[in-house]
Amino acid sequence: MLHYAIVFFVIALIAAVLGFSGIAGAATNIAWILFVVFLILAIVSMLRGRRV
């Protein structure tokens, strides 16, 4: 999940450098959502690991 967030962030950077602001904005939003999902799943995984 984190890998895909980084990939979309790199796509957003490349699109921003090339002037594609719409694609850059969309890729940034996707990267942000994937990163938040990764953080939530990582926290849940750590909490469940401590209880077992």
PDB file of N, CA and C in Angstrom:
ATOM      1  N   MET A   1       0.830  -1.185   0.000  1.00  0.00           N
ATOM      2  CA  MET A   1       0.000   0.000   0.000  1.00  0.00           C
ATOM      3  C   MET A   1       0.878   1.253   0.000  1.00  0.00           C
ATOM      4  N   LEU A   2       1.894   1.241   0.820  1.00  0.00           N
ATOM      5  CA  LEU A   2       2.789   2.391   0.856  1.00  0.00           C
ATOM      6  C   LEU A   2       3.527   2.545  -0.474  1.00  0.00           C
ATOM      7  N   HIS A   3       3.843   1.433  -1.091  1.00  0.00           N
ATOM      8  CA  HIS A   3       4.523   1.466  -2.392  1.00  0.00           C
ATOM      9  C   HIS A   3       3.668   2.203  -3.429  1.00  0.00           C
ATOM     10  N   TYR A   4       2.374   1.902  -3.472  1.00  0.00           N
ATOM     11  CA  TYR A   4       1.489   2.558  -4.427  1.00  0.00           C
ATOM     12  C   TYR A   4       1.345   4.050  -4.120  1.00  0.00           C
ATOM     13  N   ALA A   5       1.332   4.410  -2.848  1.00  0.00           N
ATOM     14  CA  ALA A   5       1.260   5.821  -2.484  1.00  0.00           C
ATOM     15  C   ALA A   5       2.495   6.564  -2.987  1.00  0.00           C
ATOM     16  N   ILE A   6       3.657   5.947  -2.835  1.00  0.00           N
ATOM     17  CA  ILE A   6       4.891   6.574  -3.307  1.00  0.00           C
ATOM     18  C   ILE A   6       4.891   6.675  -4.829  1.00  0.00           C
ATOM     19  N   VAL A   7       4.407   5.639  -5.498  1.00  0.00           N
ATOM     20  CA  VAL A   7       4.345   5.665  -6.963  1.00  0.00           C
ATOM     21  C   VAL A   7       3.440   6.800  -7.444  1.00  0.00           C
ATOM     22  N   PHE A   8       2.270   6.953  -6.835  1.00  0.00           N
ATOM     23  CA  PHE A   8       1.370   8.031  -7.251  1.00  0.00           C
ATOM     24  C   PHE A   8       1.947   9.399  -6.923  1.00  0.00           C
ATOM     25  N   PHE A   9       2.714   9.500  -5.832  1.00  0.00           N
ATOM     26  CA  PHE A   9       3.347  10.764  -5.494  1.00  0.00           C
ATOM     27  C   PHE A   9       4.405  11.130  -6.534  1.00  0.00           C
ATOM     28  N   VAL A  10       5.174  10.148  -6.983  1.00  0.00           N
ATOM     29  CA  VAL A  10       6.177  10.400  -8.021  1.00  0.00           C
ATOM     30  C   VAL A  10       5.496  10.795  -9.331  1.00  0.00           C
ATOM     31  N   ILE A  11       4.392  10.130  -9.654  1.00  0.00           N
ATOM     32  CA  ILE A  11       3.632  10.503 -10.862  1.00  0.00           C
ATOM     33  C   ILE A  11       3.139  11.938 -10.748  1.00  0.00           C
ATOM     34  N   ALA A  12       2.679  12.314  -9.558  1.00  0.00           N
ATOM     35  CA  ALA A  12       2.213  13.691  -9.350  1.00  0.00           C
ATOM     36  C   ALA A  12       3.352  14.686  -9.525  1.00  0.00           C
ATOM     37  N   LEU A  13       4.533  14.360  -9.010  1.00  0.00           N
ATOM     38  CA  LEU A  13       5.677  15.267  -9.167  1.00  0.00           C
ATOM     39  C   LEU A  13       6.063  15.425 -10.632  1.00  0.00           C
ATOM     40  N   ILE A  14       6.102  14.328 -11.351  1.00  0.00           N
ATOM     41  CA  ILE A  14       6.472  14.383 -12.769  1.00  0.00           C
ATOM     42  C   ILE A  14       5.424  15.164 -13.557  1.00  0.00           C
ATOM     43  N   ALA A  15       4.147  14.915 -13.261  1.00  0.00           N
ATOM     44  CA  ALA A  15       3.080  15.639 -13.962  1.00  0.00           C
ATOM     45  C   ALA A  15       3.130  17.131 -13.645  1.00  0.00           C
ATOM     46  N   ALA A  16       3.459  17.471 -12.409  1.00  0.00           N
ATOM     47  CA  ALA A  16       3.543  18.888 -12.038  1.00  0.00           C
ATOM     48  C   ALA A  16       4.701  19.576 -12.756  1.00  0.00           C
ATOM     49  N   VAL A  17       5.825  18.888 -12.861  1.00  0.00           N
ATOM     50  CA  VAL A  17       6.977  19.465 -13.563  1.00  0.00           C
ATOM     51  C   VAL A  17       6.657  19.679 -15.039  1.00  0.00           C
ATOM     52  N   LEU A  18       5.901  18.757 -15.623  1.00  0.00           N
ATOM     53  CA  LEU A  18       5.561  18.865 -17.038  1.00  0.00           C
ATOM     54  C   LEU A  18       4.375  19.787 -17.295  1.00  0.00           C
ATOM     55  N   GLY A  19       3.720  20.262 -16.238  1.00  0.00           N
ATOM     56  CA  GLY A  19       2.645  21.231 -16.411  1.00  0.00           C
ATOM     57  C   GLY A  19       1.248  20.650 -16.456  1.00  0.00           C
ATOM     58  N   PHE A  20       1.102  19.390 -16.150  1.00  0.00           N
ATOM     59  CA  PHE A  20      -0.221  18.770 -16.139  1.00  0.00           C
ATOM     60  C   PHE A  20      -0.810  18.889 -14.737  1.00  0.00           C
ATOM     61  N   SER A  21      -1.389  20.032 -14.444  1.00  0.00           N
ATOM     62  CA  SER A  21      -1.846  20.291 -13.076  1.00  0.00           C
ATOM     63  C   SER A  21      -3.038  19.422 -12.685  1.00  0.00           C
ATOM     64  N   GLY A  22      -3.908  19.107 -13.619  1.00  0.00           N
ATOM     65  CA  GLY A  22      -5.063  18.266 -13.303  1.00  0.00           C
ATOM     66  C   GLY A  22      -4.659  16.859 -12.920  1.00  0.00           C
ATOM     67  N   ILE A  23      -3.746  16.289 -13.699  1.00  0.00           N
ATOM     68  CA  ILE A  23      -3.266  14.940 -13.409  1.00  0.00           C
ATOM     69  C   ILE A  23      -2.457  14.947 -12.122  1.00  0.00           C
ATOM     70  N   ALA A  24      -1.671  15.991 -11.910  1.00  0.00           N
ATOM     71  CA  ALA A  24      -0.870  16.083 -10.693  1.00  0.00           C
ATOM     72  C   ALA A  24      -1.760  16.162  -9.460  1.00  0.00           C
ATOM     73  N   GLY A  25      -2.821  16.931  -9.543  1.00  0.00           N
ATOM     74  CA  GLY A  25      -3.744  17.039  -8.415  1.00  0.00           C
ATOM     75  C   GLY A  25      -4.452  15.732  -8.123  1.00  0.00           C
ATOM     76  N   ALA A  26      -4.875  15.052  -9.168  1.00  0.00           N
ATOM     77  CA  ALA A  26      -5.554  13.766  -8.975  1.00  0.00           C
ATOM     78  C   ALA A  26      -4.604  12.729  -8.400  1.00  0.00           C
ATOM     79  N   ALA A  27      -3.390  12.673  -8.900  1.00  0.00           N
ATOM     80  CA  ALA A  27      -2.412  11.710  -8.387  1.00  0.00           C
ATOM     81  C   ALA A  27      -2.042  12.024  -6.940  1.00  0.00           C
ATOM     82  N   THR A  28      -1.983  13.294  -6.596  1.00  0.00           N
ATOM     83  CA  THR A  28      -1.693  13.680  -5.212  1.00  0.00           C
ATOM     84  C   THR A  28      -2.810  13.236  -4.285  1.00  0.00           C
ATOM     85  N   ASN A  29      -4.044  13.422  -4.717  1.00  0.00           N
ATOM     86  CA  ASN A  29      -5.174  12.989  -3.892  1.00  0.00           C
ATOM     87  C   ASN A  29      -5.183  11.477  -3.700  1.00  0.00           C
ATOM     88  N   ILE A  30      -4.907  10.733  -4.757  1.00  0.00           N
ATOM     89  CA  ILE A  30      -4.855   9.277  -4.650  1.00  0.00           C
ATOM     90  C   ILE A  30      -3.731   8.855  -3.715  1.00  0.00           C
ATOM     91  N   ALA A  31      -2.567   9.484  -3.855  1.00  0.00           N
ATOM     92  CA  ALA A  31      -1.435   9.155  -2.984  1.00  0.00           C
ATOM     93  C   ALA A  31      -1.766   9.448  -1.534  1.00  0.00           C
ATOM     94  N   TRP A  32      -2.436  10.563  -1.265  1.00  0.00           N
ATOM     95  CA  TRP A  32      -2.807  10.923   0.101  1.00  0.00           C
ATOM     96  C   TRP A  32      -3.781   9.901   0.694  1.00  0.00           C
ATOM     97  N   ILE A  33      -4.772   9.492  -0.070  1.00  0.00           N
ATOM     98  CA  ILE A  33      -5.750   8.506   0.404  1.00  0.00           C
ATOM     99  C   ILE A  33      -5.061   7.175   0.686  1.00  0.00           C
ATOM    100  N   LEU A  34      -4.193   6.732  -0.206  1.00  0.00           N
ATOM    101  CA  LEU A  34      -3.485   5.473   0.011  1.00  0.00           C
ATOM    102  C   LEU A  34      -2.578   5.544   1.231  1.00  0.00           C
ATOM    103  N   PHE A  35      -1.947   6.694   1.458  1.00  0.00           N
ATOM    104  CA  PHE A  35      -1.079   6.845   2.619  1.00  0.00           C
ATOM    105  C   PHE A  35      -1.877   6.804   3.915  1.00  0.00           C
ATOM    106  N   VAL A  36      -3.038   7.434   3.932  1.00  0.00           N
ATOM    107  CA  VAL A  36      -3.881   7.418   5.135  1.00  0.00           C
ATOM    108  C   VAL A  36      -4.383   5.999   5.401  1.00  0.00           C
ATOM    109  N   VAL A  37      -4.782   5.287   4.363  1.00  0.00           N
ATOM    110  CA  VAL A  37      -5.217   3.897   4.529  1.00  0.00           C
ATOM    111  C   VAL A  37      -4.063   3.050   5.062  1.00  0.00           C
ATOM    112  N   PHE A  38      -2.859   3.275   4.539  1.00  0.00           N
ATOM    113  CA  PHE A  38      -1.689   2.553   5.032  1.00  0.00           C
ATOM    114  C   PHE A  38      -1.466   2.819   6.522  1.00  0.00           C
ATOM    115  N   LEU A  39      -1.548   4.076   6.928  1.00  0.00           N
ATOM    116  CA  LEU A  39      -1.344   4.406   8.340  1.00  0.00           C
ATOM    117  C   LEU A  39      -2.387   3.746   9.233  1.00  0.00           C
ATOM    118  N   ILE A  40      -3.629   3.776   8.809  1.00  0.00           N
ATOM    119  CA  ILE A  40      -4.697   3.150   9.606  1.00  0.00           C
ATOM    120  C   ILE A  40      -4.461   1.656   9.724  1.00  0.00           C
ATOM    121  N   LEU A  41      -4.138   0.998   8.619  1.00  0.00           N
ATOM    122  CA  LEU A  41      -3.898  -0.439   8.659  1.00  0.00           C
ATOM    123  C   LEU A  41      -2.653  -0.778   9.475  1.00  0.00           C
ATOM    124  N   ALA A  42      -1.628   0.044   9.411  1.00  0.00           N
ATOM    125  CA  ALA A  42      -0.420  -0.203  10.198  1.00  0.00           C
ATOM    126  C   ALA A  42      -0.707  -0.080  11.691  1.00  0.00           C
ATOM    127  N   ILE A  43      -1.485   0.924  12.084  1.00  0.00           N
ATOM    128  CA  ILE A  43      -1.822   1.106  13.495  1.00  0.00           C
ATOM    129  C   ILE A  43      -2.686  -0.046  13.995  1.00  0.00           C
ATOM    130  N   VAL A  44      -3.670  -0.437  13.205  1.00  0.00           N
ATOM    131  CA  VAL A  44      -4.526  -1.564  13.590  1.00  0.00           C
ATOM    132  C   VAL A  44      -3.699  -2.843  13.703  1.00  0.00           C
ATOM    133  N   SER A  45      -2.783  -3.043  12.777  1.00  0.00           N
ATOM    134  CA  SER A  45      -1.944  -4.237  12.809  1.00  0.00           C
ATOM    135  C   SER A  45      -1.051  -4.249  14.051  1.00  0.00           C
ATOM    136  N   MET A  46      -0.489  -3.118  14.399  1.00  0.00           N
ATOM    137  CA  MET A  46       0.353  -3.055  15.590  1.00  0.00           C
ATOM    138  C   MET A  46      -0.455  -3.290  16.861  1.00  0.00           C
ATOM    139  N   LEU A  47      -1.649  -2.731  16.927  1.00  0.00           N
ATOM    140  CA  LEU A  47      -2.485  -2.921  18.118  1.00  0.00           C
ATOM    141  C   LEU A  47      -2.941  -4.359  18.249  1.00  0.00           C
ATOM    142  N   ARG A  48      -3.287  -4.987  17.145  1.00  0.00           N
ATOM    143  CA  ARG A  48      -3.709  -6.392  17.191  1.00  0.00           C
ATOM    144  C   ARG A  48      -2.533  -7.303  17.524  1.00  0.00           C
ATOM    145  N   GLY A  49      -1.347  -6.957  17.095  1.00  0.00           N
ATOM    146  CA  GLY A  49      -0.160  -7.754  17.380  1.00  0.00           C
ATOM    147  C   GLY A  49       0.203  -7.732  18.851  1.00  0.00           C
ATOM    148  N   ARG A  50      -0.055  -6.653  19.530  1.00  0.00           N
ATOM    149  CA  ARG A  50       0.266  -6.532  20.951  1.00  0.00           C
ATOM    150  C   ARG A  50      -0.715  -7.315  21.806  1.00  0.00           C
ATOM    151  N   ARG A  51      -1.929  -7.443  21.366  1.00  0.00           N
ATOM    152  CA  ARG A  51      -2.956  -8.141  22.163  1.00  0.00           C
ATOM    153  C   ARG A  51      -2.798  -9.639  22.104  1.00  0.00           C
ATOM    154  N   VAL A  52      -2.234 -10.148  21.038  1.00  0.00           N
ATOM    155  CA  VAL A  52      -2.105 -11.598  20.873  1.00  0.00           C
ATOM    156  C   VAL A  52      -0.910 -12.099  21.573  1.00  0.00           C
TER     157      VAL A  52
END
